[in-house]
Amino acid sequence: MNHRAFTLLELIIVLSIMVAVMGMSWPRMRRAANRAVLREAALQVKAGLAEARDRAVRTGQRSSFSFQQNGTEFVIATTDLRSADSADESLMISVVSGESNGFESVANESIAESADTEYSLNGGQCVKHSLPEPVTIASVESDDIEESILDVSAVTDDVSDVEADSSQTIAFFPDGRGSAAQIRLGSADTQEMVVLTVRALTGDVTIGDIERDSAMVLEQDDLSVDPSVETEFQSTLPESAVIDSADDLIPTTGWDFST
């Protein structure tokens, strides 16, 4: 029995069709992958907020979820990270051996102080977590948000250079309540965002739908404008031409449009 073989032309046509289909579907596949990363980051932040609430309930102490805007890390602490009233207290941070659920454990052994004021972690324990790239904590809206004395980015395995700096904190309390807040996570790759909402009465956290980040799109548009284009365009016009904008020319003298 004779079997008809494929010709080189047929193979090239099939491969061309496959490449075309892959080219059209790749942007959708890439966007889906980036959205999955953003969703994963939202779940990590939700887990961190839940951990902070659980610590407050279990220990009977105020618990803090600290972060820096446009940062990629957050710290959970079972202690008060607000400025200490006593000047004799100092910020105590050191690394504890072992890891738990991807968090870096940090506790009190070494001293770090700010330039003007000394602070205290009151012997409490804190942990740090990092978000997957390129997701950042774009903004947080809350009437109850507080300034934290902990520099989130400085909590590392190397405690020799740890300094106290200003971050922001969402607080949780032993009765399960928390600071009402809306946390917006943004992805620069897809220009999309997802909002997490913290309910004050119960401390529960909900994750919203992934949406287009209009603020990031506007920022991207501003960065894409090249001011040198307008400058170069102006230099080629006669001195008598007055320019309010690149596309708005107001003739004064020397130009005759009557003909």
C-alpha atoms as a PDB file:
ATOM      1  CA  MET A   1       0.000   0.000   0.000  1.00  0.00           C
ATOM      2  CA  ASN A   2       1.370   3.367  -1.004  1.00  0.00           C
ATOM      3  CA  HIS A   3       1.253   6.234   1.479  1.00  0.00           C
ATOM      4  CA  ARG A   4       1.353   9.760   0.131  1.00  0.00           C
ATOM      5  CA  ALA A   5       4.043  11.818   1.850  1.00  0.00           C
ATOM      6  CA  PHE A   6       3.861  15.493   2.727  1.00  0.00           C
ATOM      7  CA  THR A   7       5.654  17.851   0.408  1.00  0.00           C
ATOM      8  CA  LEU A   8       7.988  20.580   1.671  1.00  0.00           C
ATOM      9  CA  LEU A   9       5.505  23.230   0.588  1.00  0.00           C
ATOM     10  CA  GLU A  10       2.715  21.635   2.614  1.00  0.00           C
ATOM     11  CA  LEU A  11       4.919  21.487   5.700  1.00  0.00           C
ATOM     12  CA  ILE A  12       5.877  25.141   5.292  1.00  0.00           C
ATOM     13  CA  ILE A  13       2.213  26.141   4.977  1.00  0.00           C
ATOM     14  CA  VAL A  14       1.254  24.185   8.108  1.00  0.00           C
ATOM     15  CA  LEU A  15       4.153  25.660  10.092  1.00  0.00           C
ATOM     16  CA  SER A  16       3.251  29.163   8.902  1.00  0.00           C
ATOM     17  CA  ILE A  17      -0.322  28.700  10.083  1.00  0.00           C
ATOM     18  CA  MET A  18       0.888  27.425  13.466  1.00  0.00           C
ATOM     19  CA  VAL A  19       3.236  30.405  13.882  1.00  0.00           C
ATOM     20  CA  ALA A  20       0.432  32.825  12.959  1.00  0.00           C
ATOM     21  CA  VAL A  21      -1.941  31.234  15.476  1.00  0.00           C
ATOM     22  CA  MET A  22       0.719  31.313  18.196  1.00  0.00           C
ATOM     23  CA  GLY A  23       1.480  34.946  17.407  1.00  0.00           C
ATOM     24  CA  MET A  24      -2.162  35.931  17.775  1.00  0.00           C
ATOM     25  CA  SER A  25      -2.709  33.935  20.965  1.00  0.00           C
ATOM     26  CA  TRP A  26       0.572  34.844  22.723  1.00  0.00           C
ATOM     27  CA  PRO A  27      -0.584  38.267  24.036  1.00  0.00           C
ATOM     28  CA  ARG A  28      -3.646  36.639  25.581  1.00  0.00           C
ATOM     29  CA  MET A  29      -1.545  33.869  27.115  1.00  0.00           C
ATOM     30  CA  ARG A  30       0.945  36.401  28.504  1.00  0.00           C
ATOM     31  CA  ARG A  31      -1.834  38.548  29.928  1.00  0.00           C
ATOM     32  CA  ALA A  32      -3.438  35.511  31.559  1.00  0.00           C
ATOM     33  CA  ALA A  33      -0.104  34.580  33.146  1.00  0.00           C
ATOM     34  CA  ASN A  34       0.425  38.125  34.460  1.00  0.00           C
ATOM     35  CA  ARG A  35      -3.107  38.237  35.839  1.00  0.00           C
ATOM     36  CA  ALA A  36      -2.391  34.960  37.645  1.00  0.00           C
ATOM     37  CA  VAL A  37       0.668  36.580  39.256  1.00  0.00           C
ATOM     38  CA  LEU A  38      -1.440  39.562  40.358  1.00  0.00           C
ATOM     39  CA  ARG A  39      -4.068  37.227  41.806  1.00  0.00           C
ATOM     40  CA  GLU A  40      -1.345  35.273  43.629  1.00  0.00           C
ATOM     41  CA  ALA A  41      -0.012  38.511  45.136  1.00  0.00           C
ATOM     42  CA  ALA A  42      -3.521  39.438  46.295  1.00  0.00           C
ATOM     43  CA  LEU A  43      -3.860  36.059  48.010  1.00  0.00           C
ATOM     44  CA  GLN A  44      -0.490  36.586  49.725  1.00  0.00           C
ATOM     45  CA  VAL A  45      -1.530  39.992  51.051  1.00  0.00           C
ATOM     46  CA  LYS A  46      -4.868  38.566  52.206  1.00  0.00           C
ATOM     47  CA  ALA A  47      -3.026  35.761  54.015  1.00  0.00           C
ATOM     48  CA  GLY A  48      -0.711  38.328  55.614  1.00  0.00           C
ATOM     49  CA  LEU A  49      -3.622  40.430  56.840  1.00  0.00           C
ATOM     50  CA  ALA A  50      -5.342  37.305  58.177  1.00  0.00           C
ATOM     51  CA  GLU A  51      -2.117  36.334  59.972  1.00  0.00           C
ATOM     52  CA  ALA A  52      -1.884  39.789  61.557  1.00  0.00           C
ATOM     53  CA  ARG A  53      -5.490  39.546  62.780  1.00  0.00           C
ATOM     54  CA  ASP A  54      -4.960  36.003  64.077  1.00  0.00           C
ATOM     55  CA  ARG A  55      -1.852  37.073  66.002  1.00  0.00           C
ATOM     56  CA  ALA A  56      -3.755  39.894  67.678  1.00  0.00           C
ATOM     57  CA  VAL A  57      -6.550  37.535  68.759  1.00  0.00           C
ATOM     58  CA  ARG A  58      -4.184  34.771  69.948  1.00  0.00           C
ATOM     59  CA  THR A  59      -1.728  36.971  71.834  1.00  0.00           C
ATOM     60  CA  GLY A  60      -4.150  39.560  73.155  1.00  0.00           C
ATOM     61  CA  GLN A  61      -1.855  42.278  71.792  1.00  0.00           C
ATOM     62  CA  ARG A  62      -2.206  44.818  69.035  1.00  0.00           C
ATOM     63  CA  SER A  63      -0.812  43.458  65.743  1.00  0.00           C
ATOM     64  CA  SER A  64       0.494  45.462  62.788  1.00  0.00           C
ATOM     65  CA  PHE A  65       0.612  44.993  59.009  1.00  0.00           C
ATOM     66  CA  SER A  66       3.323  47.423  57.830  1.00  0.00           C
ATOM     67  CA  PHE A  67       4.273  48.330  54.262  1.00  0.00           C
ATOM     68  CA  GLN A  68       5.714  51.078  52.102  1.00  0.00           C
ATOM     69  CA  GLN A  69       3.712  52.559  49.222  1.00  0.00           C
ATOM     70  CA  ASN A  70       4.965  51.385  45.814  1.00  0.00           C
ATOM     71  CA  GLY A  71       6.961  48.725  47.661  1.00  0.00           C
ATOM     72  CA  THR A  72       7.001  44.973  47.169  1.00  0.00           C
ATOM     73  CA  GLU A  73       7.315  43.855  50.802  1.00  0.00           C
ATOM     74  CA  PHE A  74       5.247  43.936  53.972  1.00  0.00           C
ATOM     75  CA  VAL A  75       5.960  43.104  57.610  1.00  0.00           C
ATOM     76  CA  ILE A  76       3.630  41.599  60.214  1.00  0.00           C
ATOM     77  CA  ALA A  77       4.472  42.396  63.844  1.00  0.00           C
ATOM     78  CA  THR A  78       2.888  41.282  67.103  1.00  0.00           C
ATOM     79  CA  THR A  79       3.665  44.588  68.757  1.00  0.00           C
ATOM     80  CA  ASP A  80       3.046  48.308  68.538  1.00  0.00           C
ATOM     81  CA  LEU A  81       5.129  49.893  65.796  1.00  0.00           C
ATOM     82  CA  ARG A  82       4.052  53.428  66.614  1.00  0.00           C
ATOM     83  CA  SER A  83       6.578  55.884  68.055  1.00  0.00           C
ATOM     84  CA  ALA A  84       7.505  55.002  71.630  1.00  0.00           C
ATOM     85  CA  ASP A  85       6.685  57.524  74.380  1.00  0.00           C
ATOM     86  CA  SER A  86       9.825  56.817  76.321  1.00  0.00           C
ATOM     87  CA  ALA A  87      13.172  57.987  74.950  1.00  0.00           C
ATOM     88  CA  ASP A  88      14.849  55.079  76.765  1.00  0.00           C
ATOM     89  CA  GLU A  89      13.278  52.468  74.489  1.00  0.00           C
ATOM     90  CA  SER A  90      14.963  51.333  71.274  1.00  0.00           C
ATOM     91  CA  LEU A  91      14.046  49.406  68.138  1.00  0.00           C
ATOM     92  CA  MET A  92      15.064  45.742  68.488  1.00  0.00           C
ATOM     93  CA  ILE A  93      15.334  43.587  65.339  1.00  0.00           C
ATOM     94  CA  SER A  94      17.182  40.346  64.634  1.00  0.00           C
ATOM     95  CA  VAL A  95      16.696  37.196  62.590  1.00  0.00           C
ATOM     96  CA  VAL A  96      15.338  34.006  64.130  1.00  0.00           C
ATOM     97  CA  SER A  97      16.453  30.725  62.542  1.00  0.00           C
ATOM     98  CA  GLY A  98      13.860  28.820  60.535  1.00  0.00           C
ATOM     99  CA  GLU A  99      11.137  29.829  58.108  1.00  0.00           C
ATOM    100  CA  SER A 100       7.366  29.509  58.153  1.00  0.00           C
ATOM    101  CA  ASN A 101       5.149  29.660  55.070  1.00  0.00           C
ATOM    102  CA  GLY A 102       7.683  31.671  53.117  1.00  0.00           C
ATOM    103  CA  PHE A 103       8.014  34.353  55.785  1.00  0.00           C
ATOM    104  CA  GLU A 104      11.309  35.527  57.256  1.00  0.00           C
ATOM    105  CA  SER A 105      11.131  35.407  61.044  1.00  0.00           C
ATOM    106  CA  VAL A 106      12.486  38.438  62.857  1.00  0.00           C
ATOM    107  CA  ALA A 107      12.791  39.056  66.614  1.00  0.00           C
ATOM    108  CA  ASN A 108      14.510  41.260  69.184  1.00  0.00           C
ATOM    109  CA  GLU A 109      18.270  41.097  69.777  1.00  0.00           C
ATOM    110  CA  SER A 110      20.087  43.950  68.049  1.00  0.00           C
ATOM    111  CA  ILE A 111      19.531  47.690  68.269  1.00  0.00           C
ATOM    112  CA  ALA A 112      18.791  50.217  65.561  1.00  0.00           C
ATOM    113  CA  GLU A 113      17.671  53.795  66.077  1.00  0.00           C
ATOM    114  CA  SER A 114      16.552  56.726  63.963  1.00  0.00           C
ATOM    115  CA  ALA A 115      18.387  60.012  63.724  1.00  0.00           C
ATOM    116  CA  ASP A 116      16.229  61.930  66.214  1.00  0.00           C
ATOM    117  CA  THR A 117      14.003  59.525  68.120  1.00  0.00           C
ATOM    118  CA  GLU A 118      14.413  56.060  69.614  1.00  0.00           C
ATOM    119  CA  TYR A 119      11.664  53.478  69.142  1.00  0.00           C
ATOM    120  CA  SER A 120      10.735  50.092  70.536  1.00  0.00           C
ATOM    121  CA  LEU A 121       9.283  46.818  69.285  1.00  0.00           C
ATOM    122  CA  ASN A 122       8.627  45.960  72.934  1.00  0.00           C
ATOM    123  CA  GLY A 123      10.175  42.509  72.564  1.00  0.00           C
ATOM    124  CA  GLY A 124       7.639  41.461  69.949  1.00  0.00           C
ATOM    125  CA  GLN A 125       8.191  39.248  66.923  1.00  0.00           C
ATOM    126  CA  CYS A 126       7.700  40.248  63.294  1.00  0.00           C
ATOM    127  CA  VAL A 127       7.898  38.527  59.911  1.00  0.00           C
ATOM    128  CA  LYS A 128       8.521  39.829  56.383  1.00  0.00           C
ATOM    129  CA  HIS A 129       7.029  38.706  53.076  1.00  0.00           C
ATOM    130  CA  SER A 130       7.815  39.690  49.466  1.00  0.00           C
ATOM    131  CA  LEU A 131       5.332  39.993  46.606  1.00  0.00           C
ATOM    132  CA  PRO A 132       6.051  38.410  43.209  1.00  0.00           C
ATOM    133  CA  GLU A 133       7.400  40.738  40.541  1.00  0.00           C
ATOM    134  CA  PRO A 134       6.217  43.063  39.058  1.00  0.00           C
ATOM    135  CA  VAL A 135       3.388  43.567  41.590  1.00  0.00           C
ATOM    136  CA  THR A 136       3.604  46.492  44.018  1.00  0.00           C
ATOM    137  CA  ILE A 137       1.447  47.931  46.788  1.00  0.00           C
ATOM    138  CA  ALA A 138       0.342  50.894  44.689  1.00  0.00           C
ATOM    139  CA  SER A 139      -1.783  52.693  47.274  1.00  0.00           C
ATOM    140  CA  VAL A 140      -3.823  52.249  50.434  1.00  0.00           C
ATOM    141  CA  GLU A 141      -6.928  54.249  51.313  1.00  0.00           C
ATOM    142  CA  SER A 142      -7.845  54.362  54.993  1.00  0.00           C
ATOM    143  CA  ASP A 143      -8.925  56.905  57.592  1.00  0.00           C
ATOM    144  CA  ASP A 144      -7.281  54.814  60.316  1.00  0.00           C
ATOM    145  CA  ILE A 145      -3.894  54.203  58.693  1.00  0.00           C
ATOM    146  CA  GLU A 146      -0.908  55.093  60.880  1.00  0.00           C
ATOM    147  CA  GLU A 147       2.734  55.926  60.394  1.00  0.00           C
ATOM    148  CA  SER A 148       5.004  53.050  61.426  1.00  0.00           C
ATOM    149  CA  ILE A 149       8.545  53.472  62.726  1.00  0.00           C
ATOM    150  CA  LEU A 150       9.669  50.265  61.010  1.00  0.00           C
ATOM    151  CA  ASP A 151      11.592  50.505  57.735  1.00  0.00           C
ATOM    152  CA  VAL A 152      10.061  47.541  55.907  1.00  0.00           C
ATOM    153  CA  SER A 153      12.856  47.354  53.342  1.00  0.00           C
ATOM    154  CA  ALA A 154      15.507  47.224  56.092  1.00  0.00           C
ATOM    155  CA  VAL A 155      14.239  44.029  57.758  1.00  0.00           C
ATOM    156  CA  THR A 156      16.712  41.531  56.291  1.00  0.00           C
ATOM    157  CA  ASP A 157      19.028  38.742  57.358  1.00  0.00           C
ATOM    158  CA  ASP A 158      21.787  41.348  57.786  1.00  0.00           C
ATOM    159  CA  VAL A 159      20.770  43.332  60.868  1.00  0.00           C
ATOM    160  CA  SER A 160      23.924  45.460  61.086  1.00  0.00           C
ATOM    161  CA  ASP A 161      22.452  48.262  58.960  1.00  0.00           C
ATOM    162  CA  VAL A 162      18.821  48.169  60.090  1.00  0.00           C
ATOM    163  CA  GLU A 163      17.372  51.642  60.644  1.00  0.00           C
ATOM    164  CA  ALA A 164      14.022  52.978  61.770  1.00  0.00           C
ATOM    165  CA  ASP A 165      12.190  54.780  58.997  1.00  0.00           C
ATOM    166  CA  SER A 166       8.638  55.758  58.142  1.00  0.00           C
ATOM    167  CA  SER A 167       6.305  53.101  56.758  1.00  0.00           C
ATOM    168  CA  GLN A 168       2.534  52.783  57.010  1.00  0.00           C
ATOM    169  CA  THR A 169       0.622  50.394  59.242  1.00  0.00           C
ATOM    170  CA  ILE A 170      -2.795  48.743  59.270  1.00  0.00           C
ATOM    171  CA  ALA A 171      -3.614  47.730  62.843  1.00  0.00           C
ATOM    172  CA  PHE A 172      -5.519  44.716  64.200  1.00  0.00           C
ATOM    173  CA  PHE A 173      -6.796  44.386  67.765  1.00  0.00           C
ATOM    174  CA  PRO A 174      -7.364  41.489  70.230  1.00  0.00           C
ATOM    175  CA  ASP A 175     -11.144  41.632  69.740  1.00  0.00           C
ATOM    176  CA  GLY A 176     -10.701  40.879  66.020  1.00  0.00           C
ATOM    177  CA  ARG A 177     -11.309  44.400  64.778  1.00  0.00           C
ATOM    178  CA  GLY A 178      -8.983  46.038  62.266  1.00  0.00           C
ATOM    179  CA  SER A 179      -8.323  49.338  60.538  1.00  0.00           C
ATOM    180  CA  ALA A 180     -10.764  49.815  57.666  1.00  0.00           C
ATOM    181  CA  ALA A 181      -8.685  50.027  54.497  1.00  0.00           C
ATOM    182  CA  GLN A 182      -8.606  49.437  50.757  1.00  0.00           C
ATOM    183  CA  ILE A 183      -5.276  48.134  49.461  1.00  0.00           C
ATOM    184  CA  ARG A 184      -4.601  48.519  45.741  1.00  0.00           C
ATOM    185  CA  LEU A 185      -2.078  46.142  44.189  1.00  0.00           C
ATOM    186  CA  GLY A 186      -0.833  47.089  40.731  1.00  0.00           C
ATOM    187  CA  SER A 187       1.052  45.292  37.966  1.00  0.00           C
ATOM    188  CA  ALA A 188       3.212  47.410  35.659  1.00  0.00           C
ATOM    189  CA  ASP A 189       3.275  44.655  33.034  1.00  0.00           C
ATOM    190  CA  THR A 190      -0.467  44.529  32.405  1.00  0.00           C
ATOM    191  CA  GLN A 191      -1.397  47.961  33.817  1.00  0.00           C
ATOM    192  CA  GLU A 192      -4.054  46.231  35.898  1.00  0.00           C
ATOM    193  CA  MET A 193      -4.949  46.347  39.562  1.00  0.00           C
ATOM    194  CA  VAL A 194      -6.831  44.455  42.230  1.00  0.00           C
ATOM    195  CA  VAL A 195      -8.270  45.960  45.416  1.00  0.00           C
ATOM    196  CA  LEU A 196      -8.378  44.227  48.804  1.00  0.00           C
ATOM    197  CA  THR A 197     -10.880  45.562  51.345  1.00  0.00           C
ATOM    198  CA  VAL A 198     -10.381  45.250  55.115  1.00  0.00           C
ATOM    199  CA  ARG A 199     -13.581  45.512  57.170  1.00  0.00           C
ATOM    200  CA  ALA A 200     -13.093  47.391  60.424  1.00  0.00           C
ATOM    201  CA  LEU A 201     -15.739  45.598  62.499  1.00  0.00           C
ATOM    202  CA  THR A 202     -14.618  42.021  61.813  1.00  0.00           C
ATOM    203  CA  GLY A 203     -11.125  42.411  60.324  1.00  0.00           C
ATOM    204  CA  ASP A 204     -12.167  40.235  57.380  1.00  0.00           C
ATOM    205  CA  VAL A 205     -10.487  40.765  54.000  1.00  0.00           C
ATOM    206  CA  THR A 206     -12.119  40.449  50.580  1.00  0.00           C
ATOM    207  CA  ILE A 207     -10.438  40.486  47.151  1.00  0.00           C
ATOM    208  CA  GLY A 208     -12.072  42.386  44.296  1.00  0.00           C
ATOM    209  CA  ASP A 209     -11.935  41.699  40.579  1.00  0.00           C
ATOM    210  CA  ILE A 210      -8.861  42.469  38.499  1.00  0.00           C
ATOM    211  CA  GLU A 211      -9.468  45.723  36.643  1.00  0.00           C
ATOM    212  CA  ARG A 212      -7.688  48.146  34.341  1.00  0.00           C
ATOM    213  CA  ASP A 213      -5.495  50.529  36.356  1.00  0.00           C
ATOM    214  CA  SER A 214      -6.394  53.943  34.932  1.00  0.00           C
ATOM    215  CA  ALA A 215      -3.846  55.743  37.119  1.00  0.00           C
ATOM    216  CA  MET A 216      -1.019  53.583  35.798  1.00  0.00           C
ATOM    217  CA  VAL A 217      -2.193  54.055  32.197  1.00  0.00           C
ATOM    218  CA  LEU A 218      -2.211  57.848  32.595  1.00  0.00           C
ATOM    219  CA  GLU A 219       1.251  57.750  34.140  1.00  0.00           C
ATOM    220  CA  GLN A 220       2.492  55.634  31.235  1.00  0.00           C
ATOM    221  CA  ASP A 221       1.010  58.119  28.748  1.00  0.00           C
ATOM    222  CA  ASP A 222       2.748  61.021  30.480  1.00  0.00           C
ATOM    223  CA  LEU A 223       6.080  59.229  30.307  1.00  0.00           C
ATOM    224  CA  SER A 224       5.602  58.488  26.599  1.00  0.00           C
ATOM    225  CA  VAL A 225       5.401  62.188  25.656  1.00  0.00           C
ATOM    226  CA  ASP A 226       8.737  63.429  24.338  1.00  0.00           C
ATOM    227  CA  PRO A 227       9.085  67.174  25.063  1.00  0.00           C
ATOM    228  CA  SER A 228      11.960  67.466  22.581  1.00  0.00           C
ATOM    229  CA  VAL A 229       9.514  66.856  19.697  1.00  0.00           C
ATOM    230  CA  GLU A 230       7.574  70.030  20.453  1.00  0.00           C
ATOM    231  CA  THR A 231      10.789  72.011  21.027  1.00  0.00           C
ATOM    232  CA  GLU A 232      12.219  70.891  17.690  1.00  0.00           C
ATOM    233  CA  PHE A 233       8.928  71.691  15.964  1.00  0.00           C
ATOM    234  CA  GLN A 234       8.868  75.214  17.400  1.00  0.00           C
ATOM    235  CA  SER A 235      12.415  75.952  16.260  1.00  0.00           C
ATOM    236  CA  THR A 236      11.459  75.362  12.608  1.00  0.00           C
ATOM    237  CA  LEU A 237       8.669  77.983  12.600  1.00  0.00           C
ATOM    238  CA  PRO A 238       9.031  81.718  11.893  1.00  0.00           C
ATOM    239  CA  GLU A 239       9.551  84.016  14.868  1.00  0.00           C
ATOM    240  CA  SER A 240       6.199  85.708  14.154  1.00  0.00           C
ATOM    241  CA  ALA A 241       4.278  82.496  14.879  1.00  0.00           C
ATOM    242  CA  VAL A 242       2.885  82.156  18.398  1.00  0.00           C
ATOM    243  CA  ILE A 243       2.459  78.567  19.598  1.00  0.00           C
ATOM    244  CA  ASP A 244       0.141  77.647  22.432  1.00  0.00           C
ATOM    245  CA  SER A 245       0.582  73.928  21.815  1.00  0.00           C
ATOM    246  CA  ALA A 246       2.145  71.600  19.281  1.00  0.00           C
ATOM    247  CA  ASP A 247      -1.053  71.360  17.256  1.00  0.00           C
ATOM    248  CA  ASP A 248      -2.398  74.865  17.809  1.00  0.00           C
ATOM    249  CA  LEU A 249      -0.730  77.549  15.689  1.00  0.00           C
ATOM    250  CA  ILE A 250      -1.927  81.145  15.896  1.00  0.00           C
ATOM    251  CA  PRO A 251      -0.622  83.276  13.019  1.00  0.00           C
ATOM    252  CA  THR A 252       0.164  86.923  13.794  1.00  0.00           C
ATOM    253  CA  THR A 253       1.995  88.884  11.133  1.00  0.00           C
ATOM    254  CA  GLY A 254       3.907  87.981   8.038  1.00  0.00           C
ATOM    255  CA  TRP A 255       1.495  85.245   6.953  1.00  0.00           C
ATOM    256  CA  ASP A 256      -1.034  86.044   4.214  1.00  0.00           C
ATOM    257  CA  PHE A 257      -3.906  83.570   3.868  1.00  0.00           C
ATOM    258  CA  SER A 258      -6.065  85.794   1.625  1.00  0.00           C
ATOM    259  CA  THR A 259      -4.956  83.943  -1.506  1.00  0.00           C
END
